C-alpha atoms as a PDB file:
ATOM      1  CA  MET A   1     160.738 119.893  63.286  1.00  0.00           C
ATOM      2  CA  PHE A   2     158.683 120.428  66.414  1.00  0.00           C
ATOM      3  CA  GLY A   3     157.670 124.006  66.987  1.00  0.00           C
ATOM      4  CA  ARG A   4     154.838 126.335  66.244  1.00  0.00           C
ATOM      5  CA  ARG A   5     154.454 129.099  63.718  1.00  0.00           C
ATOM      6  CA  ARG A   6     152.046 131.563  65.279  1.00  0.00           C
ATOM      7  CA  LYS A   7     149.631 133.660  63.266  1.00  0.00           C
ATOM      8  CA  ARG A   8     149.945 137.315  64.173  1.00  0.00           C
ATOM      9  CA  GLY A   9     147.225 138.496  66.526  1.00  0.00           C
ATOM     10  CA  ARG A  10     145.497 135.132  67.051  1.00  0.00           C
ATOM     11  CA  HIS A  11     146.033 131.744  68.595  1.00  0.00           C
ATOM     12  CA  SER A  12     146.698 128.624  66.587  1.00  0.00           C
ATOM     13  CA  SER A  13     145.063 125.332  67.516  1.00  0.00           C
ATOM     14  CA  GLY A  14     148.097 123.237  66.584  1.00  0.00           C
ATOM     15  CA  ALA A  15     151.162 122.899  64.449  1.00  0.00           C
ATOM     16  CA  VAL A  16     150.859 124.754  61.186  1.00  0.00           C
ATOM     17  CA  GLU A  17     152.694 123.568  58.104  1.00  0.00           C
ATOM     18  CA  THR A  18     153.355 126.354  55.645  1.00  0.00           C
ATOM     19  CA  GLY A  19     155.214 126.777  52.425  1.00  0.00           C
ATOM     20  CA  PRO A  20     157.456 129.716  51.521  1.00  0.00           C
ATOM     21  CA  GLU A  21     154.518 131.533  49.941  1.00  0.00           C
ATOM     22  CA  HIS A  22     152.811 131.754  53.346  1.00  0.00           C
ATOM     23  CA  ASP A  23     155.766 132.760  55.504  1.00  0.00           C
ATOM     24  CA  GLU A  24     154.863 136.428  55.435  1.00  0.00           C
ATOM     25  CA  VAL A  25     151.791 135.862  57.660  1.00  0.00           C
ATOM     26  CA  PHE A  26     153.687 134.049  60.415  1.00  0.00           C
ATOM     27  CA  ASP A  27     156.060 135.103  63.163  1.00  0.00           C
ATOM     28  CA  ASP A  28     159.236 133.192  63.858  1.00  0.00           C
ATOM     29  CA  VAL A  29     158.870 129.573  64.955  1.00  0.00           C
ATOM     30  CA  ASP A  30     158.264 129.206  68.685  1.00  0.00           C
ATOM     31  CA  GLY A  31     158.698 126.272  71.007  1.00  0.00           C
ATOM     32  CA  PRO A  32     158.460 124.383  73.193  1.00  0.00           C
ATOM     33  CA  TRP A  33     161.262 122.509  71.536  1.00  0.00           C
ATOM     34  CA  ASP A  34     162.433 118.937  71.484  1.00  0.00           C
ATOM     35  CA  SER A  35     166.134 118.871  72.353  1.00  0.00           C
ATOM     36  CA  THR A  36     166.955 117.348  68.961  1.00  0.00           C
ATOM     37  CA  VAL A  37     165.805 120.513  67.167  1.00  0.00           C
ATOM     38  CA  ALA A  38     166.275 123.194  69.842  1.00  0.00           C
ATOM     39  CA  PRO A  39     167.541 126.540  68.525  1.00  0.00           C
ATOM     40  CA  GLN A  40     171.058 127.689  69.264  1.00  0.00           C
ATOM     41  CA  ASP A  41     170.106 130.970  70.883  1.00  0.00           C
ATOM     42  CA  ASP A  42     171.283 133.237  73.695  1.00  0.00           C
ATOM     43  CA  VAL A  43     168.415 132.426  76.053  1.00  0.00           C
ATOM     44  CA  GLU A  44     169.570 131.454  79.538  1.00  0.00           C
ATOM     45  CA  ARG A  45     167.645 128.380  80.663  1.00  0.00           C
ATOM     46  CA  LEU A  46     167.472 126.586  83.986  1.00  0.00           C
ATOM     47  CA  ASP A  47     168.613 123.035  83.273  1.00  0.00           C
ATOM     48  CA  LEU A  48     166.423 120.559  85.155  1.00  0.00           C
ATOM     49  CA  GLY A  49     167.462 117.507  83.176  1.00  0.00           C
ATOM     50  CA  SER A  50     164.280 116.645  81.290  1.00  0.00           C
ATOM     51  CA  VAL A  51     163.276 120.301  80.846  1.00  0.00           C
ATOM     52  CA  GLN A  52     165.251 123.485  80.310  1.00  0.00           C
ATOM     53  CA  LEU A  53     163.269 126.551  81.346  1.00  0.00           C
ATOM     54  CA  PRO A  54     163.780 130.225  80.479  1.00  0.00           C
ATOM     55  CA  MET A  55     163.461 132.029  83.790  1.00  0.00           C
ATOM     56  CA  PRO A  56     161.441 135.222  84.349  1.00  0.00           C
ATOM     57  CA  ASP A  57     163.300 138.157  85.882  1.00  0.00           C
ATOM     58  CA  GLU A  58     163.587 138.131  89.675  1.00  0.00           C
ATOM     59  CA  ALA A  59     161.949 134.713  89.946  1.00  0.00           C
ATOM     60  CA  GLN A  60     162.594 132.320  92.824  1.00  0.00           C
ATOM     61  CA  LEU A  61     162.501 128.539  92.906  1.00  0.00           C
ATOM     62  CA  GLN A  62     160.521 126.287  95.190  1.00  0.00           C
ATOM     63  CA  VAL A  63     161.541 122.626  95.028  1.00  0.00           C
ATOM     64  CA  GLU A  64     159.002 119.940  95.939  1.00  0.00           C
ATOM     65  CA  MET A  65     160.684 116.743  97.119  1.00  0.00           C
ATOM     66  CA  ASP A  66     159.335 113.210  97.408  1.00  0.00           C
ATOM     67  CA  GLN A  67     159.792 112.387 101.075  1.00  0.00           C
ATOM     68  CA  GLN A  68     159.826 108.644 100.437  1.00  0.00           C
ATOM     69  CA  ASN A  69     162.704 108.363  97.983  1.00  0.00           C
ATOM     70  CA  GLY A  70     164.258 111.837  98.057  1.00  0.00           C
ATOM     71  CA  SER A  71     163.649 112.511  94.369  1.00  0.00           C
ATOM     72  CA  VAL A  72     162.421 115.832  92.985  1.00  0.00           C
ATOM     73  CA  ARG A  73     158.681 115.833  92.355  1.00  0.00           C
ATOM     74  CA  ALA A  74     158.388 119.324  90.898  1.00  0.00           C
ATOM     75  CA  VAL A  75     160.128 122.671  90.633  1.00  0.00           C
ATOM     76  CA  HIS A  76     157.878 125.716  90.988  1.00  0.00           C
ATOM     77  CA  VAL A  77     158.877 129.158  89.707  1.00  0.00           C
ATOM     78  CA  LEU A  78     157.637 131.931  92.006  1.00  0.00           C
ATOM     79  CA  THR A  79     157.116 135.442  90.658  1.00  0.00           C
ATOM     80  CA  SER A  80     155.470 138.584  92.007  1.00  0.00           C
ATOM     81  CA  VAL A  81     152.157 137.631  90.351  1.00  0.00           C
ATOM     82  CA  GLY A  82     151.942 133.897  90.994  1.00  0.00           C
ATOM     83  CA  GLN A  83     153.466 130.471  90.611  1.00  0.00           C
ATOM     84  CA  LEU A  84     154.518 128.708  87.394  1.00  0.00           C
ATOM     85  CA  THR A  85     155.113 124.979  87.060  1.00  0.00           C
ATOM     86  CA  VAL A  86     156.220 123.179  83.897  1.00  0.00           C
ATOM     87  CA  SER A  87     156.442 119.376  83.874  1.00  0.00           C
ATOM     88  CA  ALA A  88     157.236 116.849  81.145  1.00  0.00           C
ATOM     89  CA  PHE A  89     155.799 113.359  80.746  1.00  0.00           C
ATOM     90  CA  ALA A  90     156.411 110.402  78.449  1.00  0.00           C
ATOM     91  CA  ALA A  91     153.782 110.112  75.736  1.00  0.00           C
ATOM     92  CA  PRO A  92     152.927 107.710  72.904  1.00  0.00           C
ATOM     93  CA  LYS A  93     154.230 108.379  69.418  1.00  0.00           C
ATOM     94  CA  SER A  94     150.668 108.870  68.242  1.00  0.00           C
ATOM     95  CA  GLY A  95     150.327 111.950  70.466  1.00  0.00           C
ATOM     96  CA  GLY A  96     147.031 113.217  71.829  1.00  0.00           C
ATOM     97  CA  LEU A  97     147.852 112.591  75.493  1.00  0.00           C
ATOM     98  CA  TRP A  98     146.834 116.103  76.574  1.00  0.00           C
ATOM     99  CA  ARG A  99     143.240 115.486  75.481  1.00  0.00           C
ATOM    100  CA  GLU A 100     143.029 112.513  77.850  1.00  0.00           C
ATOM    101  CA  VAL A 101     144.831 114.239  80.709  1.00  0.00           C
ATOM    102  CA  GLY A 102     142.839 117.436  80.258  1.00  0.00           C
ATOM    103  CA  ALA A 103     139.502 115.596  80.406  1.00  0.00           C
ATOM    104  CA  GLU A 104     140.514 113.853  83.634  1.00  0.00           C
ATOM    105  CA  LEU A 105     141.783 117.130  85.048  1.00  0.00           C
ATOM    106  CA  ILE A 106     138.430 118.828  84.387  1.00  0.00           C
ATOM    107  CA  ASP A 107     136.564 116.036  86.181  1.00  0.00           C
ATOM    108  CA  GLY A 108     138.804 116.397  89.229  1.00  0.00           C
ATOM    109  CA  LEU A 109     138.517 120.173  89.318  1.00  0.00           C
ATOM    110  CA  LYS A 110     134.728 120.003  89.134  1.00  0.00           C
ATOM    111  CA  GLU A 111     134.671 117.588  92.063  1.00  0.00           C
ATOM    112  CA  ASP A 112     136.655 120.169  94.030  1.00  0.00           C
ATOM    113  CA  GLY A 113     134.001 122.788  93.304  1.00  0.00           C
ATOM    114  CA  ALA A 114     136.048 124.877  90.861  1.00  0.00           C
ATOM    115  CA  ARG A 115     134.467 126.893  88.057  1.00  0.00           C
ATOM    116  CA  ILE A 116     135.881 125.665  84.756  1.00  0.00           C
ATOM    117  CA  ASN A 117     136.429 127.437  81.460  1.00  0.00           C
ATOM    118  CA  ARG A 118     137.821 125.801  78.308  1.00  0.00           C
ATOM    119  CA  GLU A 119     139.305 127.778  75.441  1.00  0.00           C
ATOM    120  CA  ASN A 120     141.319 127.089  72.312  1.00  0.00           C
ATOM    121  CA  GLY A 121     144.817 128.458  72.820  1.00  0.00           C
ATOM    122  CA  GLU A 122     148.215 128.517  71.219  1.00  0.00           C
ATOM    123  CA  TRP A 123     148.833 124.768  71.506  1.00  0.00           C
ATOM    124  CA  GLY A 124     145.284 123.460  71.723  1.00  0.00           C
ATOM    125  CA  GLU A 125     142.760 123.456  74.533  1.00  0.00           C
ATOM    126  CA  GLU A 126     143.536 125.490  77.646  1.00  0.00           C
ATOM    127  CA  ILE A 127     141.726 124.954  80.934  1.00  0.00           C
ATOM    128  CA  THR A 128     141.052 127.698  83.464  1.00  0.00           C
ATOM    129  CA  ALA A 129     139.811 126.983  86.985  1.00  0.00           C
ATOM    130  CA  ARG A 130     138.604 129.472  89.608  1.00  0.00           C
ATOM    131  CA  ASN A 131     138.161 128.608  93.254  1.00  0.00           C
ATOM    132  CA  GLN A 132     138.168 130.775  96.392  1.00  0.00           C
ATOM    133  CA  GLY A 133     139.956 133.752  94.855  1.00  0.00           C
ATOM    134  CA  VAL A 134     142.617 131.661  93.109  1.00  0.00           C
ATOM    135  CA  GLN A 135     142.700 131.316  89.321  1.00  0.00           C
ATOM    136  CA  ILE A 136     144.686 128.552  87.635  1.00  0.00           C
ATOM    137  CA  LEU A 137     145.570 128.067  83.975  1.00  0.00           C
ATOM    138  CA  PHE A 138     146.489 124.619  82.642  1.00  0.00           C
ATOM    139  CA  VAL A 139     148.204 124.382  79.244  1.00  0.00           C
ATOM    140  CA  GLY A 140     149.221 121.135  77.566  1.00  0.00           C
ATOM    141  CA  VAL A 141     151.559 120.633  74.615  1.00  0.00           C
ATOM    142  CA  ASP A 142     151.882 117.315  72.762  1.00  0.00           C
ATOM    143  CA  GLY A 143     155.428 116.785  71.491  1.00  0.00           C
ATOM    144  CA  PRO A 144     157.351 113.875  69.940  1.00  0.00           C
ATOM    145  CA  ARG A 145     156.991 111.123  72.581  1.00  0.00           C
ATOM    146  CA  TRP A 146     156.469 113.671  75.334  1.00  0.00           C
ATOM    147  CA  MET A 147     153.752 115.901  76.723  1.00  0.00           C
ATOM    148  CA  LEU A 148     154.461 119.174  78.452  1.00  0.00           C
ATOM    149  CA  ARG A 149     152.067 120.519  81.082  1.00  0.00           C
ATOM    150  CA  GLY A 150     152.257 124.115  82.236  1.00  0.00           C
ATOM    151  CA  VAL A 151     150.380 125.500  85.233  1.00  0.00           C
ATOM    152  CA  ALA A 152     150.013 129.144  86.266  1.00  0.00           C
ATOM    153  CA  ALA A 153     148.394 129.667  89.681  1.00  0.00           C
ATOM    154  CA  GLY A 154     147.782 132.859  91.619  1.00  0.00           C
ATOM    155  CA  PRO A 155     145.298 135.536  92.675  1.00  0.00           C
ATOM    156  CA  GLU A 156     142.525 136.295  90.183  1.00  0.00           C
ATOM    157  CA  GLU A 157     143.605 139.926  89.837  1.00  0.00           C
ATOM    158  CA  HIS A 158     146.996 138.859  88.452  1.00  0.00           C
ATOM    159  CA  PHE A 159     145.695 136.108  86.181  1.00  0.00           C
ATOM    160  CA  GLU A 160     146.454 137.775  82.852  1.00  0.00           C
ATOM    161  CA  GLN A 161     150.046 138.606  83.827  1.00  0.00           C
ATOM    162  CA  ASN A 162     150.596 135.153  85.272  1.00  0.00           C
ATOM    163  CA  SER A 163     149.142 133.445  82.191  1.00  0.00           C
ATOM    164  CA  GLN A 164     151.331 135.492  79.871  1.00  0.00           C
ATOM    165  CA  ALA A 165     154.399 134.564  81.914  1.00  0.00           C
ATOM    166  CA  LEU A 166     153.525 130.869  81.588  1.00  0.00           C
ATOM    167  CA  ARG A 167     153.064 131.068  77.823  1.00  0.00           C
ATOM    168  CA  GLU A 168     156.375 132.896  77.433  1.00  0.00           C
ATOM    169  CA  MET A 169     158.085 130.202  79.484  1.00  0.00           C
ATOM    170  CA  LEU A 170     156.535 127.416  77.406  1.00  0.00           C
ATOM    171  CA  ARG A 171     157.577 129.067  74.128  1.00  0.00           C
ATOM    172  CA  GLY A 172     161.196 128.977  75.230  1.00  0.00           C
ATOM    173  CA  THR A 173     161.239 125.574  76.949  1.00  0.00           C
ATOM    174  CA  VAL A 174     163.405 122.714  75.689  1.00  0.00           C
ATOM    175  CA  VAL A 175     162.369 119.119  76.480  1.00  0.00           C
ATOM    176  CA  VAL A 176     165.035 116.404  76.773  1.00  0.00           C
ATOM    177  CA  ARG A 177     163.067 113.191  76.269  1.00  0.00           C
ATOM    178  CA  GLY A 178     165.920 110.720  75.875  1.00  0.00           C
ATOM    179  CA  GLU A 179     165.690 107.411  74.040  1.00  0.00           C
ATOM    180  CA  GLN A 180     164.701 105.104  76.904  1.00  0.00           C
ATOM    181  CA  PRO A 181     161.248 103.527  76.617  1.00  0.00           C
ATOM    182  CA  MET A 182     158.736 104.706  79.235  1.00  0.00           C
ATOM    183  CA  PRO A 183     155.051 104.036  79.762  1.00  0.00           C
ATOM    184  CA  PRO A 184     152.876 106.985  78.737  1.00  0.00           C
ATOM    185  CA  ARG A 185     152.259 109.500  81.555  1.00  0.00           C
ATOM    186  CA  THR A 186     155.512 108.638  83.311  1.00  0.00           C
ATOM    187  CA  PRO A 187     157.010 111.914  84.606  1.00  0.00           C
ATOM    188  CA  LEU A 188     160.352 112.622  82.970  1.00  0.00           C
ATOM    189  CA  PRO A 189     163.001 112.802  85.706  1.00  0.00           C
ATOM    190  CA  VAL A 190     163.875 116.195  87.149  1.00  0.00           C
ATOM    191  CA  GLU A 191     167.498 116.813  88.089  1.00  0.00           C
ATOM    192  CA  LEU A 192     168.546 119.875  90.045  1.00  0.00           C
ATOM    193  CA  PRO A 193     171.667 121.877  89.177  1.00  0.00           C
ATOM    194  CA  GLU A 194     174.476 121.013  91.569  1.00  0.00           C
ATOM    195  CA  ALA A 195     174.431 124.363  93.371  1.00  0.00           C
ATOM    196  CA  ILE A 196     170.691 124.148  94.065  1.00  0.00           C
ATOM    197  CA  ALA A 197     170.883 120.512  95.169  1.00  0.00           C
ATOM    198  CA  ARG A 198     173.739 121.359  97.546  1.00  0.00           C
ATOM    199  CA  HIS A 199     171.778 124.271  98.998  1.00  0.00           C
ATOM    200  CA  ILE A 200     168.778 122.002  99.707  1.00  0.00           C
ATOM    201  CA  GLN A 201     170.995 119.403 101.359  1.00  0.00           C
ATOM    202  CA  GLN A 202     172.490 122.060 103.605  1.00  0.00           C
ATOM    203  CA  GLN A 203     169.033 123.273 104.619  1.00  0.00           C
ATOM    204  CA  GLU A 204     167.890 119.743 105.408  1.00  0.00           C
ATOM    205  CA  GLY A 205     171.100 119.055 107.306  1.00  0.00           C
END
């Protein structure tokens, strides 16, 4: 089963396999979840096809469209403290895609003049970038044939709140990978709920 058992009061660097004798030192299993093992809970999630996201209170959506083919490139969640973006990508069965993507991401951020910090977090390495008053957190999660990337961006003074909101969203996210073969790094398709898609069409019309 894909999930994480989190040690109380500290971050884990990856999946932790435990027996019954160790259960007392772990909280309940957290996600993100593959759709094949997602919990049957009461959490309301925004269904975007390849990802199902638990939404923060009073959040708004910003949809980024591909002007060439009209497809959805990304859906950003806007809150009072910043912007959250969660995207899913196809990955090899062997895993480890986030290490490659993260290394390339760091190189690009350095070229842009950002100050970089790398820390071990709940799902592995987390990358923080600071540039011109904006602070961005990048979190990657390697799942079964998918990789999830979460980004929290906003003013430096709200970084801790924004980062916490991203981690909470990732813990409750469900990824719908599907069975179709895809090259690694291919973005999993994003599909808007009918009401949101209709609203965008009316605005464009």
